[in-house]
Amino acid sequence: MWDYSEKVLEYFRNPRNVGVIEDADGVGEVGSLACGDALTLYIKVDENDRITDAKFQTFGCASAIASSSALTELIIGKTVDEALKVTNRDIADYLGGLPEEKMHCSVLGREALLAAIADYRGERRESIESPLVCECFGVNQEEIERAIRENGLTTREQVTHYTKAGGGCGKCHEKIEEILTRMCVEEERVPRPVRKPLTNLQKIKLVEEVIENQIRPELQKDGGDLELIDVDGNRVLISFRGLCANCPSAGITVKGIQDRLREAVAPELVVEEVPA
């Protein structure tokens, strides 16, 4: 479902620097298994403040593994101050780009780097004191503001793509919009118009259009297919056909379909597979 670059696939299949540094000088732990993505970054620093080794352990998708691996290669050999200048955009660019819906994986790497360096320096990260905004994914205000500032984000959907904030129950949407509005005013940027709520009929029509025009053609290229069974509130019920019906990666495909529909229709949608 995702249009990954060859380098992303290479770093996913053959990740570099996986493991633990037992005597690490700095350790950064971000995310959580409950939220779907977790990363621990270990760094070793010499007497000249230069990072001589970096390893990682991660739980997440192909983008998370590739981003974590790319991060270690980007920072090894740099001084700590130089490593601090590595952004999530640098990680994505190093991999030849990431789908926007997966940019949160590169942001996770950036947050782990900041945490590891703070640990090495014996500092308390500001984000620890920052108020929690998204309870579903444990994202605080400081993390959202940094992602907005460093990536020029202007919409709530973009914030979700880059941080996962707002991708769950939706209770934090208003707070995210407030942060966006405030930061756009402060930085003299123009926010994109807020998407108006859809009626149920509008939602069903958009779901049908996205599935028919974007998703089904992609599945059919590989001998698969799907049928839209029902749209019940924010639940989109689908059933796979063809080669997709018995595919062991069906769960990943469902997640990809859900991300596509959340981007194109409404961020509250939940896609569920039902038996044929």
Protein backbone atom coordinates (compact mmCIF):
# COMPACT_ATOMS: atom_id res chain seq x y z
CA MET A 1 0.00 0.00 0.00
CA TRP A 2 2.85 2.42 0.75
CA ASP A 3 5.11 3.86 -1.93
CA TYR A 4 8.43 3.26 -0.17
CA SER A 5 11.77 4.18 -1.71
CA GLU A 6 14.27 1.42 -2.42
CA LYS A 7 16.45 2.73 0.42
CA VAL A 8 13.60 2.50 2.93
CA LEU A 9 13.02 -1.11 1.90
CA GLU A 10 16.74 -1.86 2.09
CA TYR A 11 17.08 -0.40 5.59
CA PHE A 12 13.95 -2.24 6.69
CA ARG A 13 15.16 -5.60 5.37
CA ASN A 14 18.78 -5.09 6.44
CA PRO A 15 18.78 -2.56 9.29
CA ARG A 16 22.13 -1.21 10.45
CA ASN A 17 23.24 -0.88 14.08
CA VAL A 18 20.49 -2.91 15.71
CA GLY A 19 21.19 -3.82 19.32
CA VAL A 20 22.16 -2.53 22.74
CA ILE A 21 25.24 -0.67 23.98
CA GLU A 22 25.59 -2.01 27.50
CA ASP A 23 27.85 0.84 28.68
CA ALA A 24 26.10 3.57 26.70
CA ASP A 25 26.83 7.17 27.61
CA GLY A 26 23.32 8.22 26.69
CA VAL A 27 20.01 6.38 26.28
CA GLY A 28 16.85 7.83 24.77
CA GLU A 29 13.53 6.02 25.14
CA VAL A 30 10.48 7.38 23.31
CA GLY A 31 7.05 6.09 22.35
CA SER A 32 5.47 3.00 23.86
CA LEU A 33 4.27 -0.43 22.80
CA ALA A 34 0.74 0.60 23.74
CA CYS A 35 0.92 3.42 21.19
CA GLY A 36 2.23 1.17 18.41
CA ASP A 37 5.74 2.66 18.07
CA ALA A 38 8.59 2.50 20.54
CA LEU A 39 12.27 3.32 20.10
CA THR A 40 15.32 3.12 22.35
CA LEU A 41 18.50 4.79 21.09
CA TYR A 42 21.92 4.15 22.63
CA ILE A 43 24.93 6.40 22.01
CA LYS A 44 28.61 6.11 22.92
CA VAL A 45 30.56 9.38 23.14
CA ASP A 46 34.36 9.83 23.34
CA GLU A 47 36.44 12.39 25.22
CA ASN A 48 36.10 14.83 22.31
CA ASP A 49 32.31 14.82 22.56
CA ARG A 50 32.09 12.78 19.35
CA ILE A 51 29.55 9.97 18.92
CA THR A 52 31.59 6.86 18.17
CA ASP A 53 28.76 4.34 18.18
CA ALA A 54 24.98 4.26 18.11
CA LYS A 55 22.55 1.37 18.26
CA PHE A 56 18.80 1.04 18.48
CA GLN A 57 15.94 -1.22 19.38
CA THR A 58 12.54 -0.43 17.92
CA PHE A 59 9.02 -1.77 17.77
CA GLY A 60 7.11 -0.48 14.77
CA CYS A 61 6.52 -0.63 11.06
CA ALA A 62 8.99 -0.71 8.16
CA SER A 63 9.30 3.08 8.27
CA ALA A 64 10.12 3.02 12.00
CA ILE A 65 12.85 0.43 11.54
CA ALA A 66 14.34 2.18 8.50
CA SER A 67 14.20 5.61 10.18
CA SER A 68 15.89 4.34 13.33
CA SER A 69 18.63 2.66 11.33
CA ALA A 70 19.17 5.76 9.19
CA LEU A 71 19.41 7.91 12.32
CA THR A 72 22.29 5.86 13.71
CA GLU A 73 24.23 6.22 10.47
CA LEU A 74 23.60 9.95 10.38
CA ILE A 75 24.95 10.62 13.87
CA ILE A 76 27.91 8.24 14.14
CA GLY A 77 31.07 10.31 13.68
CA LYS A 78 29.38 13.61 14.53
CA THR A 79 29.99 15.63 17.66
CA VAL A 80 27.03 15.88 20.02
CA ASP A 81 26.42 19.48 18.95
CA GLU A 82 26.46 18.44 15.29
CA ALA A 83 24.09 15.55 16.00
CA LEU A 84 21.64 17.97 17.62
CA LYS A 85 21.26 19.64 14.22
CA VAL A 86 19.96 16.42 12.62
CA THR A 87 16.23 16.87 12.01
CA ASN A 88 13.48 14.42 11.22
CA ARG A 89 13.52 15.83 7.69
CA ASP A 90 17.20 14.85 7.41
CA ILE A 91 16.26 11.29 8.37
CA ALA A 92 13.50 11.14 5.76
CA ASP A 93 15.71 12.68 3.06
CA TYR A 94 18.51 10.20 3.85
CA LEU A 95 16.04 7.41 3.06
CA GLY A 96 14.94 8.98 -0.20
CA GLY A 97 11.72 10.26 1.35
CA LEU A 98 8.87 8.81 3.39
CA PRO A 99 5.10 8.86 2.73
CA GLU A 100 3.65 11.81 4.65
CA GLU A 101 1.49 9.39 6.64
CA LYS A 102 4.71 7.78 7.91
CA MET A 103 6.67 10.91 8.78
CA HIS A 104 5.93 10.32 12.46
CA CYS A 105 8.57 7.56 12.31
CA SER A 106 11.29 10.08 11.46
CA VAL A 107 9.99 12.39 14.21
CA LEU A 108 10.22 9.48 16.65
CA GLY A 109 13.89 9.14 15.73
CA ARG A 110 14.50 12.84 16.28
CA GLU A 111 12.83 12.68 19.70
CA ALA A 112 14.94 9.66 20.67
CA LEU A 113 18.09 11.53 19.66
CA LEU A 114 17.17 14.53 21.81
CA ALA A 115 16.40 12.23 24.73
CA ALA A 116 19.70 10.33 24.40
CA ILE A 117 21.74 13.53 24.26
CA ALA A 118 19.87 14.97 27.24
CA ASP A 119 20.63 11.77 29.14
CA TYR A 120 24.31 11.98 28.16
CA ARG A 121 24.50 15.57 29.39
CA GLY A 122 22.60 14.84 32.56
CA GLU A 123 19.84 17.24 31.60
CA ARG A 124 16.12 16.98 32.18
CA ARG A 125 14.25 17.26 28.89
CA GLU A 126 11.76 20.11 28.66
CA SER A 127 9.21 17.77 27.11
CA ILE A 128 8.96 15.87 30.40
CA GLU A 129 7.37 19.00 31.91
CA SER A 130 5.25 19.73 28.85
CA PRO A 131 1.48 19.15 29.20
CA LEU A 132 0.07 16.04 27.55
CA VAL A 133 -2.12 16.78 24.54
CA CYS A 134 -2.90 13.38 23.00
CA GLU A 135 -3.60 10.72 25.63
CA CYS A 136 -4.08 7.96 23.04
CA PHE A 137 -0.50 8.20 21.78
CA GLY A 138 1.18 10.00 24.67
CA VAL A 139 2.18 13.10 22.68
CA ASN A 140 2.80 16.31 24.59
CA GLN A 141 2.59 19.95 23.59
CA GLU A 142 6.34 20.49 23.22
CA GLU A 143 6.65 17.57 20.78
CA ILE A 144 3.75 18.86 18.68
CA GLU A 145 5.15 22.39 18.62
CA ARG A 146 8.58 21.14 17.56
CA ALA A 147 7.11 19.09 14.72
CA ILE A 148 5.04 22.06 13.53
CA ARG A 149 8.00 24.43 13.72
CA GLU A 150 10.58 22.18 12.07
CA ASN A 151 8.30 20.92 9.29
CA GLY A 152 6.10 23.94 8.58
CA LEU A 153 2.89 22.07 9.37
CA THR A 154 -0.38 23.93 8.93
CA THR A 155 -3.16 21.33 9.34
CA ARG A 156 -4.31 18.96 12.05
CA GLU A 157 -4.01 16.06 9.61
CA GLN A 158 -0.34 16.89 9.07
CA VAL A 159 0.23 16.99 12.82
CA THR A 160 -1.23 13.48 13.02
CA HIS A 161 1.03 12.25 10.20
CA TYR A 162 4.11 13.69 11.87
CA THR A 163 3.38 12.90 15.54
CA LYS A 164 0.35 10.52 15.61
CA ALA A 165 -1.36 13.05 17.91
CA GLY A 166 -5.07 13.16 17.09
CA GLY A 167 -5.06 9.77 15.39
CA GLY A 168 -7.08 8.03 18.09
CA CYS A 169 -10.27 9.09 19.84
CA GLY A 170 -10.18 12.65 18.52
CA LYS A 171 -10.65 14.39 21.88
CA CYS A 172 -7.44 16.36 21.37
CA HIS A 173 -8.38 17.76 17.94
CA GLU A 174 -9.49 21.10 19.34
CA LYS A 175 -6.29 21.50 21.34
CA ILE A 176 -4.16 20.67 18.29
CA GLU A 177 -6.06 23.25 16.25
CA GLU A 178 -5.43 25.83 19.00
CA ILE A 179 -1.69 25.09 18.95
CA LEU A 180 -1.61 25.35 15.15
CA THR A 181 -3.49 28.64 15.12
CA ARG A 182 -1.28 30.16 17.80
CA MET A 183 1.95 29.08 16.13
CA CYS A 184 0.83 30.16 12.67
CA VAL A 185 0.07 33.63 14.06
CA GLU A 186 3.37 33.78 15.92
CA GLU A 187 5.35 32.70 12.85
CA GLU A 188 3.22 34.68 10.40
CA ARG A 189 2.15 31.60 8.46
CA VAL A 190 -1.31 31.09 7.01
CA PRO A 191 -3.07 27.95 8.25
CA ARG A 192 -5.10 25.92 5.79
CA PRO A 193 -8.86 26.04 6.27
CA VAL A 194 -10.20 23.67 8.91
CA ARG A 195 -12.08 20.78 7.31
CA LYS A 196 -15.82 21.09 7.96
CA PRO A 197 -17.64 18.12 9.51
CA LEU A 198 -19.16 15.78 6.93
CA THR A 199 -22.71 14.60 6.90
CA ASN A 200 -23.14 10.83 6.99
CA LEU A 201 -24.08 10.76 3.30
CA GLN A 202 -21.07 12.86 2.35
CA LYS A 203 -18.81 10.57 4.38
CA ILE A 204 -20.17 7.42 2.71
CA LYS A 205 -19.80 8.94 -0.75
CA LEU A 206 -16.21 10.00 -0.12
CA VAL A 207 -15.29 6.58 1.29
CA GLU A 208 -16.76 4.91 -1.80
CA GLU A 209 -14.88 7.27 -4.13
CA VAL A 210 -11.52 6.77 -2.43
CA ILE A 211 -11.91 2.99 -2.41
CA GLU A 212 -13.04 2.81 -6.04
CA ASN A 213 -10.60 5.35 -7.50
CA GLN A 214 -7.49 4.90 -5.34
CA ILE A 215 -7.43 1.72 -3.28
CA ARG A 216 -9.06 -0.99 -5.41
CA PRO A 217 -6.93 -0.23 -8.51
CA GLU A 218 -3.76 -0.67 -6.43
CA LEU A 219 -4.94 -4.00 -5.01
CA GLN A 220 -6.08 -5.24 -8.41
CA LYS A 221 -2.60 -4.68 -9.86
CA ASP A 222 -1.38 -7.53 -7.63
CA GLY A 223 -4.38 -9.81 -8.14
CA GLY A 224 -6.24 -8.66 -5.05
CA ASP A 225 -9.44 -6.74 -4.45
CA LEU A 226 -11.84 -5.64 -1.74
CA GLU A 227 -15.53 -4.97 -1.27
CA LEU A 228 -16.97 -2.16 0.83
CA ILE A 229 -19.49 -3.89 3.08
CA ASP A 230 -20.82 -0.99 5.16
CA VAL A 231 -20.07 2.39 6.71
CA ASP A 232 -21.43 2.43 10.26
CA GLY A 233 -20.73 5.83 11.79
CA ASN A 234 -16.94 6.03 11.78
CA ARG A 235 -16.52 2.28 11.18
CA VAL A 236 -15.69 1.25 7.62
CA LEU A 237 -16.29 -2.47 7.10
CA ILE A 238 -14.46 -4.13 4.23
CA SER A 239 -13.93 -7.67 2.95
CA PHE A 240 -10.93 -8.75 0.91
CA ARG A 241 -11.23 -10.60 -2.37
CA GLY A 242 -8.82 -12.36 -4.72
CA LEU A 243 -5.26 -12.83 -3.50
CA CYS A 244 -5.86 -10.37 -0.66
CA ALA A 245 -8.37 -12.77 0.93
CA ASN A 246 -5.67 -15.13 2.20
CA CYS A 247 -2.74 -12.74 2.39
CA PRO A 248 -0.71 -12.97 5.63
CA SER A 249 -0.09 -9.21 5.41
CA ALA A 250 -3.81 -8.36 5.40
CA GLY A 251 -3.48 -6.57 8.74
CA ILE A 252 -0.87 -4.20 7.29
CA THR A 253 -3.08 -3.60 4.26
CA VAL A 254 -6.04 -2.73 6.52
CA LYS A 255 -3.87 -0.20 8.35
CA GLY A 256 -2.77 1.33 5.03
CA ILE A 257 -6.37 1.60 3.86
CA GLN A 258 -7.36 3.19 7.16
CA ASP A 259 -4.56 5.77 6.91
CA ARG A 260 -5.59 6.61 3.33
CA LEU A 261 -9.25 7.07 4.28
CA ARG A 262 -8.37 9.13 7.36
CA GLU A 263 -6.32 11.46 5.19
CA ALA A 264 -8.88 11.79 2.40
CA VAL A 265 -12.17 11.61 4.31
CA ALA A 266 -12.04 11.98 8.11
CA PRO A 267 -9.35 11.26 10.73
CA GLU A 268 -11.86 9.47 12.98
CA LEU A 269 -12.45 6.56 10.60
CA VAL A 270 -11.62 3.02 11.71
CA VAL A 271 -11.33 0.31 9.06
CA GLU A 272 -12.30 -3.26 10.00
CA GLU A 273 -12.03 -6.42 7.94
CA VAL A 274 -15.03 -8.75 8.06
CA PRO A 275 -15.24 -12.34 6.76
CA ALA A 276 -16.16 -12.78 3.11
